[in-house]
Amino acid sequence: METNQNQSSQDQGKMQGFYAQPRAYLSRDKQYLTLVLPGNMLVRKHVNFFKAVMGLPFERQVREAEAS
């Protein structure tokens, strides 16, 4: 039985992924979202990250050092 070298090299380039139902928590100051993925993997991102991904308008947060 012959194997196709091109097909096997294409299969290696595919990305693996998984479907998960993460738990999401908003910080008390309402600035960060924390996602808890399977295996207790934590992902903490600013809310503007999610707004930018969804194409929603957001105001850039000015740091204290920049404001002075």
Protein backbone atom coordinates (compact mmCIF):
# COMPACT_ATOMS: atom_id res chain seq x y z
CA MET A 1 0.00 0.00 0.00
CA GLU A 2 1.39 3.37 -0.98
CA THR A 3 1.29 6.45 1.19
CA ASN A 4 1.14 9.95 -0.10
CA GLN A 5 3.97 12.09 1.30
CA ASN A 6 2.18 15.36 0.49
CA GLN A 7 -0.94 14.38 2.37
CA SER A 8 0.94 13.37 5.51
CA SER A 9 2.89 16.66 5.56
CA GLN A 10 -0.38 18.60 5.27
CA ASP A 11 -1.86 16.68 8.19
CA GLN A 12 1.10 17.65 10.39
CA GLY A 13 0.43 21.36 9.74
CA LYS A 14 -3.10 21.23 11.14
CA MET A 15 -3.65 22.85 14.48
CA GLN A 16 -5.25 20.93 17.28
CA GLY A 17 -7.92 22.50 19.41
CA PHE A 18 -10.66 21.69 21.84
CA TYR A 19 -14.09 22.88 22.81
CA ALA A 20 -14.45 24.07 26.37
CA GLN A 21 -17.01 25.82 28.47
CA PRO A 22 -14.81 28.16 30.51
CA ARG A 23 -15.95 29.85 33.66
CA ALA A 24 -15.59 33.62 33.47
CA TYR A 25 -15.08 35.99 36.38
CA LEU A 26 -15.08 39.80 36.31
CA SER A 27 -12.72 41.52 38.73
CA ARG A 28 -14.12 43.74 41.47
CA ASP A 29 -12.89 46.88 39.70
CA LYS A 30 -14.55 45.60 36.49
CA GLN A 31 -11.31 45.98 34.52
CA TYR A 32 -10.25 42.34 34.01
CA LEU A 33 -11.90 39.08 32.97
CA THR A 34 -10.45 35.82 34.21
CA LEU A 35 -11.28 32.66 32.28
CA VAL A 36 -10.85 29.28 33.96
CA LEU A 37 -10.17 26.62 31.33
CA PRO A 38 -9.98 22.84 31.77
CA GLY A 39 -7.01 21.78 33.86
CA ASN A 40 -7.44 24.92 36.00
CA MET A 41 -5.61 27.02 33.40
CA LEU A 42 -6.24 30.71 34.15
CA VAL A 43 -6.33 33.38 31.46
CA ARG A 44 -6.58 36.98 32.71
CA LYS A 45 -7.17 39.73 30.15
CA HIS A 46 -8.29 43.34 30.29
CA VAL A 47 -11.89 43.93 29.19
CA ASN A 48 -10.64 46.10 26.31
CA PHE A 49 -9.01 43.01 24.80
CA PHE A 50 -12.39 41.32 24.49
CA LYS A 51 -14.05 44.52 23.23
CA ALA A 52 -11.39 44.85 20.51
CA VAL A 53 -11.85 41.22 19.45
CA MET A 54 -15.62 41.73 19.17
CA GLY A 55 -15.23 45.04 17.33
CA LEU A 56 -16.84 47.12 20.08
CA PRO A 57 -15.68 50.67 20.82
CA PHE A 58 -13.53 51.15 23.90
CA GLU A 59 -11.54 53.91 25.54
CA ARG A 60 -7.85 53.34 26.02
CA GLN A 61 -6.91 53.32 29.68
CA VAL A 62 -4.40 56.03 30.58
CA ARG A 63 -1.70 54.88 32.97
CA GLU A 64 -0.78 57.05 35.93
CA ALA A 65 2.76 57.58 34.57
CA GLU A 66 1.37 58.82 31.22
CA ALA A 67 -1.14 61.16 32.87
CA SER A 68 1.54 63.08 34.82
